[in-house]
Amino acid sequence: MSETNKKEIGVDLIKALREKTSASVMECKRALQEAEGDEDKAMAILKKRGIALAQKKAGRTTKEGAIGSYVHTGDKLGVLLEVNCETDFVARTPEFKEFVSELAMQIAASDPKYIETSGIPAELLEETKSKFVEEIDASGISQLDKEKLLDDKMKIYFAEVCLFDQPFIKDPAITIRELVQSKIAKFGENITIGRYFRFKLGEA
């Protein structure tokens, strides 16, 4: 690495990357060094590490955690949410509690019906896909374009109904899945979303 790049990796650059990714100071510093001071490349490195770590820890038991809540201004919309982790030590940290609150706010704003695509009933998924296929067939476009359009429509649908596929309201550049993966990397523990309830005044 050149002397110039070494100078660029200062406290301000590390702090900026940490605020964007929630990764630890040391992880941010290592990523920036590997990326030779390029913030975008460093973010990609951290994202890749987060995915790998999340996959590695996916099977680990999450018996601890916290119940979070969010009540929107006006007191007519609220959310109760359970987020699980591996140890009570992590569950009690201010960072974990803030993360739970952010997820509760996300659910209040975007009203997801399922946590992941695997939670969508097979019959509903097939019905939705069939509806899109009918719409696309009627458009008269080529088969290759039809497949791409179907894929795009399904991605949009998943982002509407599945929490993990939604853009994070505080940073639309990442999805909730990527946010969770970044927290797994930061805390070094598996994290799962247990249950949530969204209440709107006057709705059953």
N, C-alpha and C. Protein backbone atom coordinates (compact mmCIF):
# COMPACT_ATOMS: atom_id res chain seq x y z
N MET A 1 0.84 -1.19 0.00
CA MET A 1 0.00 0.00 0.00
C MET A 1 0.88 1.24 0.00
N SER A 2 0.50 2.26 -0.77
CA SER A 2 1.30 3.47 -0.85
C SER A 2 1.17 4.30 0.41
N GLU A 3 2.15 5.25 0.59
CA GLU A 3 2.12 6.13 1.75
C GLU A 3 0.87 7.00 1.72
N THR A 4 0.42 7.38 0.51
CA THR A 4 -0.76 8.22 0.37
C THR A 4 -1.99 7.53 0.92
N ASN A 5 -2.16 6.25 0.56
CA ASN A 5 -3.31 5.49 1.01
C ASN A 5 -3.29 5.27 2.52
N LYS A 6 -2.09 5.12 3.08
CA LYS A 6 -1.97 4.95 4.52
C LYS A 6 -2.50 6.20 5.23
N LYS A 7 -2.19 7.37 4.69
CA LYS A 7 -2.63 8.61 5.30
C LYS A 7 -4.14 8.77 5.19
N GLU A 8 -4.72 8.28 4.12
CA GLU A 8 -6.16 8.41 3.91
C GLU A 8 -6.96 7.61 4.94
N ILE A 9 -6.40 6.52 5.43
CA ILE A 9 -7.11 5.67 6.38
C ILE A 9 -6.93 6.23 7.79
N GLY A 10 -7.56 7.34 8.00
CA GLY A 10 -7.50 7.99 9.29
C GLY A 10 -8.76 7.76 10.10
N VAL A 11 -8.84 8.42 11.23
CA VAL A 11 -9.98 8.25 12.15
C VAL A 11 -11.29 8.65 11.48
N ASP A 12 -11.30 9.73 10.73
CA ASP A 12 -12.53 10.21 10.11
C ASP A 12 -13.09 9.21 9.10
N LEU A 13 -12.21 8.61 8.30
CA LEU A 13 -12.64 7.64 7.30
C LEU A 13 -13.17 6.38 7.98
N ILE A 14 -12.49 5.94 9.01
CA ILE A 14 -12.94 4.76 9.76
C ILE A 14 -14.29 5.03 10.43
N LYS A 15 -14.42 6.22 11.01
CA LYS A 15 -15.67 6.59 11.68
C LYS A 15 -16.83 6.64 10.68
N ALA A 16 -16.58 7.20 9.50
CA ALA A 16 -17.63 7.30 8.47
C ALA A 16 -18.09 5.92 8.02
N LEU A 17 -17.14 5.01 7.84
CA LEU A 17 -17.48 3.65 7.42
C LEU A 17 -18.24 2.92 8.52
N ARG A 18 -17.84 3.13 9.75
CA ARG A 18 -18.51 2.49 10.89
C ARG A 18 -19.95 2.95 11.01
N GLU A 19 -20.20 4.24 10.79
CA GLU A 19 -21.56 4.78 10.85
C GLU A 19 -22.45 4.20 9.76
N LYS A 20 -21.85 3.91 8.61
CA LYS A 20 -22.62 3.38 7.48
C LYS A 20 -22.87 1.88 7.60
N THR A 21 -21.97 1.16 8.27
CA THR A 21 -22.05 -0.31 8.28
C THR A 21 -22.30 -0.92 9.65
N SER A 22 -22.08 -0.15 10.72
CA SER A 22 -22.21 -0.64 12.10
C SER A 22 -21.15 -1.69 12.45
N ALA A 23 -20.16 -1.88 11.59
CA ALA A 23 -19.07 -2.82 11.89
C ALA A 23 -18.16 -2.20 12.95
N SER A 24 -17.35 -3.06 13.59
CA SER A 24 -16.46 -2.57 14.65
C SER A 24 -15.36 -1.70 14.04
N VAL A 25 -14.70 -0.94 14.91
CA VAL A 25 -13.61 -0.06 14.46
C VAL A 25 -12.51 -0.87 13.78
N MET A 26 -12.13 -2.01 14.38
CA MET A 26 -11.06 -2.83 13.81
C MET A 26 -11.47 -3.44 12.47
N GLU A 27 -12.73 -3.88 12.36
CA GLU A 27 -13.21 -4.44 11.09
C GLU A 27 -13.19 -3.38 10.00
N CYS A 28 -13.62 -2.17 10.35
CA CYS A 28 -13.61 -1.07 9.38
C CYS A 28 -12.19 -0.74 8.94
N LYS A 29 -11.29 -0.71 9.90
CA LYS A 29 -9.89 -0.39 9.58
C LYS A 29 -9.28 -1.44 8.67
N ARG A 30 -9.52 -2.73 8.99
CA ARG A 30 -8.98 -3.82 8.15
C ARG A 30 -9.56 -3.77 6.74
N ALA A 31 -10.86 -3.51 6.66
CA ALA A 31 -11.50 -3.45 5.34
C ALA A 31 -10.95 -2.30 4.51
N LEU A 32 -10.75 -1.16 5.14
CA LEU A 32 -10.20 0.00 4.43
C LEU A 32 -8.76 -0.24 3.99
N GLN A 33 -8.00 -0.92 4.83
CA GLN A 33 -6.63 -1.26 4.45
C GLN A 33 -6.61 -2.21 3.26
N GLU A 34 -7.50 -3.21 3.30
CA GLU A 34 -7.60 -4.16 2.19
C GLU A 34 -8.06 -3.48 0.91
N ALA A 35 -8.91 -2.47 1.06
CA ALA A 35 -9.45 -1.75 -0.10
C ALA A 35 -8.58 -0.56 -0.48
N GLU A 36 -7.44 -0.40 0.18
CA GLU A 36 -6.51 0.69 -0.08
C GLU A 36 -7.19 2.06 0.00
N GLY A 37 -8.04 2.20 1.03
CA GLY A 37 -8.67 3.49 1.29
C GLY A 37 -9.94 3.76 0.52
N ASP A 38 -10.37 2.85 -0.35
CA ASP A 38 -11.58 3.03 -1.15
C ASP A 38 -12.80 2.63 -0.30
N GLU A 39 -13.64 3.60 0.04
CA GLU A 39 -14.78 3.33 0.93
C GLU A 39 -15.78 2.35 0.34
N ASP A 40 -16.08 2.51 -0.96
CA ASP A 40 -17.04 1.62 -1.61
C ASP A 40 -16.55 0.17 -1.60
N LYS A 41 -15.27 -0.02 -1.90
CA LYS A 41 -14.69 -1.36 -1.89
C LYS A 41 -14.68 -1.93 -0.47
N ALA A 42 -14.40 -1.07 0.51
CA ALA A 42 -14.38 -1.50 1.91
C ALA A 42 -15.77 -1.95 2.35
N MET A 43 -16.80 -1.23 1.91
CA MET A 43 -18.18 -1.62 2.24
C MET A 43 -18.53 -2.96 1.63
N ALA A 44 -18.06 -3.19 0.40
CA ALA A 44 -18.30 -4.47 -0.26
C ALA A 44 -17.61 -5.61 0.48
N ILE A 45 -16.41 -5.35 0.96
CA ILE A 45 -15.66 -6.35 1.73
C ILE A 45 -16.39 -6.70 3.02
N LEU A 46 -16.87 -5.67 3.73
CA LEU A 46 -17.60 -5.89 4.98
C LEU A 46 -18.91 -6.62 4.74
N LYS A 47 -19.58 -6.29 3.64
CA LYS A 47 -20.83 -6.96 3.30
C LYS A 47 -20.58 -8.45 3.04
N LYS A 48 -19.53 -8.76 2.30
CA LYS A 48 -19.20 -10.15 1.99
C LYS A 48 -18.86 -10.92 3.26
N ARG A 49 -18.11 -10.29 4.16
CA ARG A 49 -17.76 -10.93 5.43
C ARG A 49 -19.01 -11.16 6.28
N GLY A 50 -19.92 -10.18 6.26
CA GLY A 50 -21.15 -10.31 7.04
C GLY A 50 -22.01 -11.46 6.57
N ILE A 51 -22.13 -11.64 5.24
CA ILE A 51 -22.90 -12.73 4.68
C ILE A 51 -22.28 -14.07 5.06
N ALA A 52 -20.95 -14.16 4.93
CA ALA A 52 -20.25 -15.41 5.25
C ALA A 52 -20.41 -15.77 6.73
N LEU A 53 -20.28 -14.77 7.59
CA LEU A 53 -20.41 -15.02 9.03
C LEU A 53 -21.84 -15.40 9.39
N ALA A 54 -22.81 -14.74 8.76
CA ALA A 54 -24.22 -15.05 9.02
C ALA A 54 -24.54 -16.49 8.63
N GLN A 55 -24.00 -16.93 7.49
CA GLN A 55 -24.22 -18.30 7.04
C GLN A 55 -23.57 -19.30 8.00
N LYS A 56 -22.40 -18.94 8.51
CA LYS A 56 -21.67 -19.82 9.42
C LYS A 56 -22.41 -19.98 10.75
N LYS A 57 -23.07 -18.91 11.21
CA LYS A 57 -23.72 -18.93 12.51
C LYS A 57 -25.21 -19.25 12.43
N ALA A 58 -25.72 -19.47 11.22
CA ALA A 58 -27.15 -19.63 11.01
C ALA A 58 -27.79 -20.74 11.85
N GLY A 59 -27.07 -21.82 12.11
CA GLY A 59 -27.66 -22.94 12.84
C GLY A 59 -27.55 -22.83 14.34
N ARG A 60 -26.92 -21.77 14.85
CA ARG A 60 -26.71 -21.65 16.28
C ARG A 60 -27.98 -21.19 17.00
N THR A 61 -28.20 -21.75 18.19
CA THR A 61 -29.41 -21.49 18.95
C THR A 61 -29.46 -20.05 19.47
N THR A 62 -30.63 -19.43 19.36
CA THR A 62 -30.83 -18.06 19.85
C THR A 62 -31.93 -18.07 20.90
N LYS A 63 -31.54 -18.26 22.16
CA LYS A 63 -32.52 -18.35 23.25
C LYS A 63 -32.64 -17.06 24.05
N GLU A 64 -31.71 -16.13 23.84
CA GLU A 64 -31.78 -14.84 24.53
C GLU A 64 -32.32 -13.80 23.56
N GLY A 65 -32.34 -12.55 23.99
CA GLY A 65 -32.82 -11.51 23.10
C GLY A 65 -33.56 -10.42 23.86
N ALA A 66 -34.40 -9.70 23.13
CA ALA A 66 -35.13 -8.58 23.73
C ALA A 66 -36.46 -8.35 23.02
N ILE A 67 -37.40 -7.81 23.78
CA ILE A 67 -38.68 -7.37 23.22
C ILE A 67 -38.58 -5.87 23.00
N GLY A 68 -38.84 -5.45 21.80
CA GLY A 68 -38.79 -4.03 21.48
C GLY A 68 -40.16 -3.51 21.08
N SER A 69 -40.32 -2.21 21.13
CA SER A 69 -41.61 -1.62 20.74
C SER A 69 -41.39 -0.29 20.04
N TYR A 70 -42.39 0.09 19.28
CA TYR A 70 -42.37 1.39 18.63
C TYR A 70 -43.81 1.87 18.51
N VAL A 71 -44.06 3.10 18.93
CA VAL A 71 -45.38 3.71 18.79
C VAL A 71 -45.21 4.97 17.96
N HIS A 72 -45.92 5.02 16.84
CA HIS A 72 -45.77 6.15 15.92
C HIS A 72 -46.43 7.39 16.51
N THR A 73 -45.95 8.55 16.07
CA THR A 73 -46.50 9.83 16.51
C THR A 73 -48.02 9.85 16.30
N GLY A 74 -48.74 10.21 17.33
CA GLY A 74 -50.19 10.21 17.26
C GLY A 74 -50.82 9.04 17.99
N ASP A 75 -49.98 8.08 18.38
CA ASP A 75 -50.42 6.92 19.18
C ASP A 75 -51.52 6.09 18.52
N LYS A 76 -51.48 6.00 17.18
CA LYS A 76 -52.50 5.20 16.48
C LYS A 76 -51.90 4.01 15.75
N LEU A 77 -50.59 3.86 15.85
CA LEU A 77 -49.89 2.75 15.19
C LEU A 77 -48.72 2.33 16.07
N GLY A 78 -48.64 1.03 16.32
CA GLY A 78 -47.55 0.55 17.17
C GLY A 78 -47.12 -0.86 16.80
N VAL A 79 -45.91 -1.24 17.26
CA VAL A 79 -45.35 -2.56 16.97
C VAL A 79 -44.70 -3.13 18.22
N LEU A 80 -44.91 -4.43 18.45
CA LEU A 80 -44.18 -5.20 19.45
C LEU A 80 -43.38 -6.24 18.70
N LEU A 81 -42.12 -6.39 19.06
CA LEU A 81 -41.21 -7.24 18.29
C LEU A 81 -40.26 -8.02 19.19
N GLU A 82 -40.05 -9.29 18.85
CA GLU A 82 -39.07 -10.12 19.56
C GLU A 82 -37.89 -10.40 18.64
N VAL A 83 -36.70 -10.04 19.11
CA VAL A 83 -35.48 -10.32 18.37
C VAL A 83 -34.56 -11.15 19.26
N ASN A 84 -34.08 -12.25 18.73
CA ASN A 84 -33.29 -13.19 19.54
C ASN A 84 -31.82 -13.19 19.17
N CYS A 85 -30.98 -13.44 20.18
CA CYS A 85 -29.54 -13.60 19.99
C CYS A 85 -29.08 -14.76 20.87
N GLU A 86 -27.79 -14.97 20.96
CA GLU A 86 -27.28 -16.15 21.68
C GLU A 86 -27.05 -15.92 23.16
N THR A 87 -26.68 -14.70 23.55
CA THR A 87 -26.33 -14.46 24.95
C THR A 87 -27.05 -13.24 25.51
N ASP A 88 -27.27 -13.26 26.82
CA ASP A 88 -27.89 -12.13 27.50
C ASP A 88 -26.96 -10.92 27.48
N PHE A 89 -25.66 -11.18 27.43
CA PHE A 89 -24.67 -10.09 27.39
C PHE A 89 -24.92 -9.19 26.18
N VAL A 90 -25.09 -9.80 25.00
CA VAL A 90 -25.36 -9.02 23.79
C VAL A 90 -26.74 -8.38 23.86
N ALA A 91 -27.73 -9.13 24.35
CA ALA A 91 -29.10 -8.63 24.41
C ALA A 91 -29.23 -7.35 25.23
N ARG A 92 -28.36 -7.19 26.23
CA ARG A 92 -28.44 -6.04 27.13
C ARG A 92 -27.65 -4.83 26.64
N THR A 93 -26.92 -4.97 25.54
CA THR A 93 -26.12 -3.83 25.06
C THR A 93 -27.02 -2.77 24.43
N PRO A 94 -26.66 -1.49 24.58
CA PRO A 94 -27.43 -0.41 23.96
C PRO A 94 -27.54 -0.58 22.43
N GLU A 95 -26.47 -1.09 21.81
CA GLU A 95 -26.47 -1.28 20.35
C GLU A 95 -27.52 -2.28 19.90
N PHE A 96 -27.66 -3.38 20.68
CA PHE A 96 -28.66 -4.39 20.31
C PHE A 96 -30.07 -3.83 20.50
N LYS A 97 -30.28 -3.12 21.60
CA LYS A 97 -31.60 -2.54 21.86
C LYS A 97 -31.98 -1.52 20.79
N GLU A 98 -30.99 -0.75 20.34
CA GLU A 98 -31.24 0.22 19.27
C GLU A 98 -31.61 -0.50 17.98
N PHE A 99 -30.93 -1.61 17.71
CA PHE A 99 -31.22 -2.43 16.52
C PHE A 99 -32.65 -2.96 16.57
N VAL A 100 -33.08 -3.44 17.72
CA VAL A 100 -34.45 -3.94 17.88
C VAL A 100 -35.46 -2.82 17.63
N SER A 101 -35.17 -1.64 18.14
CA SER A 101 -36.05 -0.48 17.94
C SER A 101 -36.14 -0.10 16.47
N GLU A 102 -35.01 -0.19 15.76
CA GLU A 102 -35.00 0.13 14.33
C GLU A 102 -35.86 -0.86 13.55
N LEU A 103 -35.81 -2.13 13.93
CA LEU A 103 -36.64 -3.13 13.26
C LEU A 103 -38.12 -2.88 13.54
N ALA A 104 -38.45 -2.51 14.77
CA ALA A 104 -39.84 -2.21 15.11
C ALA A 104 -40.35 -1.02 14.29
N MET A 105 -39.50 -0.01 14.13
CA MET A 105 -39.87 1.16 13.32
C MET A 105 -40.07 0.76 11.86
N GLN A 106 -39.22 -0.13 11.36
CA GLN A 106 -39.33 -0.62 9.99
C GLN A 106 -40.67 -1.31 9.77
N ILE A 107 -41.05 -2.17 10.69
CA ILE A 107 -42.30 -2.91 10.59
C ILE A 107 -43.50 -1.96 10.63
N ALA A 108 -43.42 -0.95 11.49
CA ALA A 108 -44.50 0.03 11.58
C ALA A 108 -44.67 0.77 10.25
N ALA A 109 -43.54 1.11 9.62
CA ALA A 109 -43.57 1.90 8.39
C ALA A 109 -43.97 1.09 7.16
N SER A 110 -43.47 -0.16 7.07
CA SER A 110 -43.61 -0.92 5.82
C SER A 110 -44.63 -2.05 5.88
N ASP A 111 -45.10 -2.40 7.06
CA ASP A 111 -46.16 -3.40 7.23
C ASP A 111 -45.88 -4.73 6.49
N PRO A 112 -44.75 -5.39 6.75
CA PRO A 112 -44.50 -6.69 6.11
C PRO A 112 -45.44 -7.76 6.66
N LYS A 113 -45.81 -8.69 5.81
CA LYS A 113 -46.72 -9.76 6.23
C LYS A 113 -45.95 -11.00 6.69
N TYR A 114 -44.71 -11.12 6.24
CA TYR A 114 -43.89 -12.29 6.57
C TYR A 114 -42.47 -11.83 6.87
N ILE A 115 -41.73 -12.65 7.60
CA ILE A 115 -40.34 -12.32 7.89
C ILE A 115 -39.46 -12.61 6.67
N GLU A 116 -39.61 -13.81 6.10
CA GLU A 116 -38.84 -14.20 4.92
C GLU A 116 -39.77 -14.81 3.88
N THR A 117 -39.25 -15.00 2.67
CA THR A 117 -40.06 -15.58 1.59
C THR A 117 -40.52 -16.99 1.92
N SER A 118 -39.75 -17.70 2.74
CA SER A 118 -40.13 -19.06 3.12
C SER A 118 -41.42 -19.10 3.93
N GLY A 119 -41.82 -17.96 4.47
CA GLY A 119 -43.05 -17.90 5.27
C GLY A 119 -44.30 -17.68 4.44
N ILE A 120 -44.14 -17.37 3.16
CA ILE A 120 -45.31 -17.15 2.29
C ILE A 120 -45.96 -18.50 1.99
N PRO A 121 -47.26 -18.65 2.23
CA PRO A 121 -47.93 -19.92 1.90
C PRO A 121 -47.74 -20.28 0.44
N ALA A 122 -47.47 -21.55 0.17
CA ALA A 122 -47.17 -22.00 -1.20
C ALA A 122 -48.32 -21.67 -2.16
N GLU A 123 -49.54 -21.79 -1.68
CA GLU A 123 -50.69 -21.51 -2.55
C GLU A 123 -50.74 -20.04 -2.94
N LEU A 124 -50.48 -19.16 -1.99
CA LEU A 124 -50.48 -17.72 -2.27
C LEU A 124 -49.33 -17.36 -3.21
N LEU A 125 -48.17 -17.97 -3.00
CA LEU A 125 -47.01 -17.69 -3.84
C LEU A 125 -47.28 -18.10 -5.29
N GLU A 126 -47.88 -19.27 -5.47
CA GLU A 126 -48.19 -19.77 -6.81
C GLU A 126 -49.27 -18.91 -7.47
N GLU A 127 -50.22 -18.49 -6.68
CA GLU A 127 -51.31 -17.64 -7.19
C GLU A 127 -50.76 -16.28 -7.66
N THR A 128 -49.86 -15.72 -6.88
CA THR A 128 -49.26 -14.43 -7.23
C THR A 128 -48.41 -14.55 -8.49
N LYS A 129 -47.61 -15.62 -8.54
CA LYS A 129 -46.76 -15.84 -9.70
C LYS A 129 -47.61 -16.04 -10.97
N SER A 130 -48.69 -16.80 -10.86
CA SER A 130 -49.58 -17.05 -12.01
C SER A 130 -50.20 -15.76 -12.51
N LYS A 131 -50.57 -14.88 -11.57
CA LYS A 131 -51.16 -13.60 -11.95
C LYS A 131 -50.16 -12.77 -12.75
N PHE A 132 -48.90 -12.75 -12.29
CA PHE A 132 -47.87 -12.01 -13.00
C PHE A 132 -47.60 -12.60 -14.39
N VAL A 133 -47.60 -13.92 -14.47
CA VAL A 133 -47.37 -14.59 -15.75
C VAL A 133 -48.46 -14.22 -16.75
N GLU A 134 -49.70 -14.19 -16.31
CA GLU A 134 -50.82 -13.80 -17.18
C GLU A 134 -50.65 -12.38 -17.69
N GLU A 135 -50.26 -11.49 -16.80
CA GLU A 135 -50.06 -10.09 -17.18
C GLU A 135 -48.93 -9.95 -18.21
N ILE A 136 -47.86 -10.70 -17.98
CA ILE A 136 -46.71 -10.63 -18.87
C ILE A 136 -47.02 -11.26 -20.23
N ASP A 137 -47.72 -12.39 -20.23
CA ASP A 137 -48.09 -13.05 -21.49
C ASP A 137 -48.93 -12.13 -22.37
N ALA A 138 -49.75 -11.32 -21.74
CA ALA A 138 -50.62 -10.42 -22.50
C ALA A 138 -49.86 -9.24 -23.09
N SER A 139 -48.62 -9.04 -22.64
CA SER A 139 -47.83 -7.89 -23.10
C SER A 139 -47.22 -8.10 -24.47
N GLY A 140 -47.05 -9.37 -24.88
CA GLY A 140 -46.51 -9.68 -26.20
C GLY A 140 -45.01 -9.51 -26.34
N ILE A 141 -44.27 -9.46 -25.25
CA ILE A 141 -42.82 -9.31 -25.33
C ILE A 141 -42.15 -10.67 -25.53
N SER A 142 -40.84 -10.66 -25.81
CA SER A 142 -40.12 -11.90 -26.07
C SER A 142 -40.01 -12.75 -24.82
N GLN A 143 -39.70 -14.05 -25.00
CA GLN A 143 -39.62 -14.99 -23.89
C GLN A 143 -38.53 -14.59 -22.89
N LEU A 144 -37.40 -14.13 -23.43
CA LEU A 144 -36.30 -13.71 -22.56
C LEU A 144 -36.71 -12.53 -21.70
N ASP A 145 -37.39 -11.58 -22.33
CA ASP A 145 -37.87 -10.40 -21.60
C ASP A 145 -38.95 -10.79 -20.60
N LYS A 146 -39.75 -11.79 -20.95
CA LYS A 146 -40.80 -12.25 -20.04
C LYS A 146 -40.19 -12.80 -18.75
N GLU A 147 -39.14 -13.58 -18.89
CA GLU A 147 -38.49 -14.18 -17.72
C GLU A 147 -37.88 -13.11 -16.82
N LYS A 148 -37.26 -12.13 -17.45
CA LYS A 148 -36.66 -11.03 -16.68
C LYS A 148 -37.73 -10.22 -15.98
N LEU A 149 -38.82 -9.94 -16.67
CA LEU A 149 -39.90 -9.15 -16.10
C LEU A 149 -40.57 -9.89 -14.95
N LEU A 150 -40.73 -11.20 -15.09
CA LEU A 150 -41.31 -12.00 -14.01
C LEU A 150 -40.42 -11.96 -12.78
N ASP A 151 -39.13 -12.08 -13.02
CA ASP A 151 -38.17 -12.02 -11.91
C ASP A 151 -38.23 -10.66 -11.21
N ASP A 152 -38.33 -9.60 -11.99
CA ASP A 152 -38.41 -8.25 -11.42
C ASP A 152 -39.70 -8.07 -10.61
N LYS A 153 -40.80 -8.58 -11.14
CA LYS A 153 -42.09 -8.45 -10.45
C LYS A 153 -42.09 -9.22 -9.13
N MET A 154 -41.48 -10.41 -9.13
CA MET A 154 -41.43 -11.21 -7.92
C MET A 154 -40.55 -10.53 -6.86
N LYS A 155 -39.45 -9.90 -7.30
CA LYS A 155 -38.59 -9.19 -6.36
C LYS A 155 -39.32 -8.02 -5.72
N ILE A 156 -40.10 -7.31 -6.52
CA ILE A 156 -40.89 -6.19 -6.00
C ILE A 156 -41.93 -6.70 -5.01
N TYR A 157 -42.57 -7.81 -5.35
CA TYR A 157 -43.58 -8.41 -4.47
C TYR A 157 -42.96 -8.83 -3.14
N PHE A 158 -41.81 -9.49 -3.20
CA PHE A 158 -41.13 -9.92 -1.97
C PHE A 158 -40.75 -8.72 -1.10
N ALA A 159 -40.32 -7.64 -1.74
CA ALA A 159 -39.95 -6.44 -1.00
C ALA A 159 -41.15 -5.78 -0.34
N GLU A 160 -42.33 -6.03 -0.88
CA GLU A 160 -43.55 -5.47 -0.30
C GLU A 160 -44.04 -6.28 0.90
N VAL A 161 -43.91 -7.61 0.83
CA VAL A 161 -44.53 -8.45 1.86
C VAL A 161 -43.57 -9.12 2.83
N CYS A 162 -42.26 -9.14 2.51
CA CYS A 162 -41.29 -9.84 3.36
C CYS A 162 -40.31 -8.86 3.99
N LEU A 163 -40.23 -8.88 5.30
CA LEU A 163 -39.37 -7.97 6.04
C LEU A 163 -37.92 -8.01 5.56
N PHE A 164 -37.36 -9.22 5.41
CA PHE A 164 -35.95 -9.35 5.05
C PHE A 164 -35.63 -8.80 3.67
N ASP A 165 -36.62 -8.71 2.79
CA ASP A 165 -36.38 -8.24 1.42
C ASP A 165 -36.63 -6.74 1.27
N GLN A 166 -37.06 -6.09 2.33
CA GLN A 166 -37.38 -4.67 2.24
C GLN A 166 -36.14 -3.79 2.39
N PRO A 167 -36.11 -2.66 1.69
CA PRO A 167 -35.02 -1.69 1.91
C PRO A 167 -35.14 -1.14 3.33
N PHE A 168 -34.03 -0.97 4.00
CA PHE A 168 -34.01 -0.43 5.35
C PHE A 168 -34.42 1.05 5.27
N ILE A 169 -35.42 1.46 6.03
CA ILE A 169 -35.95 2.83 5.90
C ILE A 169 -34.91 3.90 6.25
N LYS A 170 -33.94 3.56 7.09
CA LYS A 170 -32.91 4.54 7.46
C LYS A 170 -31.73 4.54 6.49
N ASP A 171 -31.65 3.51 5.64
CA ASP A 171 -30.60 3.42 4.62
C ASP A 171 -31.09 2.50 3.51
N PRO A 172 -31.88 3.04 2.55
CA PRO A 172 -32.48 2.23 1.48
C PRO A 172 -31.47 1.49 0.59
N ALA A 173 -30.18 1.79 0.74
CA ALA A 173 -29.17 1.11 -0.06
C ALA A 173 -28.97 -0.33 0.38
N ILE A 174 -29.44 -0.68 1.57
CA ILE A 174 -29.32 -2.05 2.06
C ILE A 174 -30.69 -2.60 2.42
N THR A 175 -30.81 -3.93 2.39
CA THR A 175 -32.06 -4.58 2.80
C THR A 175 -31.99 -4.93 4.28
N ILE A 176 -33.13 -5.30 4.84
CA ILE A 176 -33.15 -5.72 6.24
C ILE A 176 -32.31 -6.99 6.42
N ARG A 177 -32.29 -7.86 5.43
CA ARG A 177 -31.44 -9.06 5.50
C ARG A 177 -29.97 -8.65 5.65
N GLU A 178 -29.55 -7.69 4.85
CA GLU A 178 -28.16 -7.21 4.92
C GLU A 178 -27.89 -6.51 6.25
N LEU A 179 -28.89 -5.80 6.77
CA LEU A 179 -28.74 -5.15 8.08
C LEU A 179 -28.54 -6.20 9.17
N VAL A 180 -29.35 -7.26 9.14
CA VAL A 180 -29.22 -8.33 10.13
C VAL A 180 -27.85 -8.99 10.01
N GLN A 181 -27.42 -9.23 8.79
CA GLN A 181 -26.11 -9.86 8.57
C GLN A 181 -24.99 -8.99 9.13
N SER A 182 -25.12 -7.68 8.98
CA SER A 182 -24.09 -6.77 9.50
C SER A 182 -24.07 -6.80 11.02
N LYS A 183 -25.24 -6.97 11.64
CA LYS A 183 -25.30 -7.05 13.10
C LYS A 183 -24.73 -8.37 13.61
N ILE A 184 -24.95 -9.44 12.87
CA ILE A 184 -24.36 -10.74 13.23
C ILE A 184 -22.84 -10.63 13.22
N ALA A 185 -22.32 -9.95 12.20
CA ALA A 185 -20.87 -9.76 12.10
C ALA A 185 -20.36 -8.88 13.24
N LYS A 186 -21.13 -7.86 13.59
CA LYS A 186 -20.70 -6.94 14.64
C LYS A 186 -20.72 -7.61 16.02
N PHE A 187 -21.82 -8.30 16.34
CA PHE A 187 -21.96 -8.90 17.67
C PHE A 187 -21.29 -10.27 17.79
N GLY A 188 -21.01 -10.90 16.64
CA GLY A 188 -20.38 -12.22 16.67
C GLY A 188 -21.31 -13.32 17.13
N GLU A 189 -22.62 -13.08 17.01
CA GLU A 189 -23.63 -14.07 17.41
C GLU A 189 -24.70 -14.18 16.34
N ASN A 190 -25.35 -15.33 16.32
CA ASN A 190 -26.51 -15.49 15.44
C ASN A 190 -27.64 -14.61 15.95
N ILE A 191 -28.40 -14.03 15.04
CA ILE A 191 -29.54 -13.19 15.39
C ILE A 191 -30.73 -13.63 14.55
N THR A 192 -31.86 -13.82 15.21
CA THR A 192 -33.09 -14.19 14.50
C THR A 192 -34.24 -13.30 14.96
N ILE A 193 -35.23 -13.17 14.10
CA ILE A 193 -36.44 -12.42 14.46
C ILE A 193 -37.51 -13.43 14.82
N GLY A 194 -37.97 -13.35 16.05
CA GLY A 194 -38.93 -14.33 16.55
C GLY A 194 -40.35 -14.06 16.11
N ARG A 195 -40.97 -13.05 16.68
CA ARG A 195 -42.36 -12.71 16.39
C ARG A 195 -42.50 -11.20 16.35
N TYR A 196 -43.55 -10.76 15.68
CA TYR A 196 -43.89 -9.34 15.78
C TYR A 196 -45.39 -9.17 15.59
N PHE A 197 -45.91 -8.10 16.20
CA PHE A 197 -47.33 -7.76 16.10
C PHE A 197 -47.43 -6.27 15.77
N ARG A 198 -48.15 -5.98 14.72
CA ARG A 198 -48.34 -4.57 14.30
C ARG A 198 -49.79 -4.20 14.58
N PHE A 199 -49.98 -3.15 15.36
CA PHE A 199 -51.30 -2.71 15.76
C PHE A 199 -51.61 -1.36 15.13
N LYS A 200 -52.78 -1.26 14.52
CA LYS A 200 -53.26 0.01 13.99
C LYS A 200 -54.65 0.27 14.55
N LEU A 201 -54.83 1.41 15.12
CA LEU A 201 -56.09 1.74 15.78
C LEU A 201 -57.29 1.51 14.84
N GLY A 202 -58.26 0.73 15.32
CA GLY A 202 -59.47 0.48 14.55
C GLY A 202 -59.43 -0.73 13.66
N GLU A 203 -58.23 -1.36 13.51
CA GLU A 203 -58.11 -2.56 12.68
C GLU A 203 -58.17 -3.82 13.54
N ALA A 204 -58.80 -4.86 13.02
CA ALA A 204 -58.90 -6.12 13.73
C ALA A 204 -57.54 -6.81 13.72
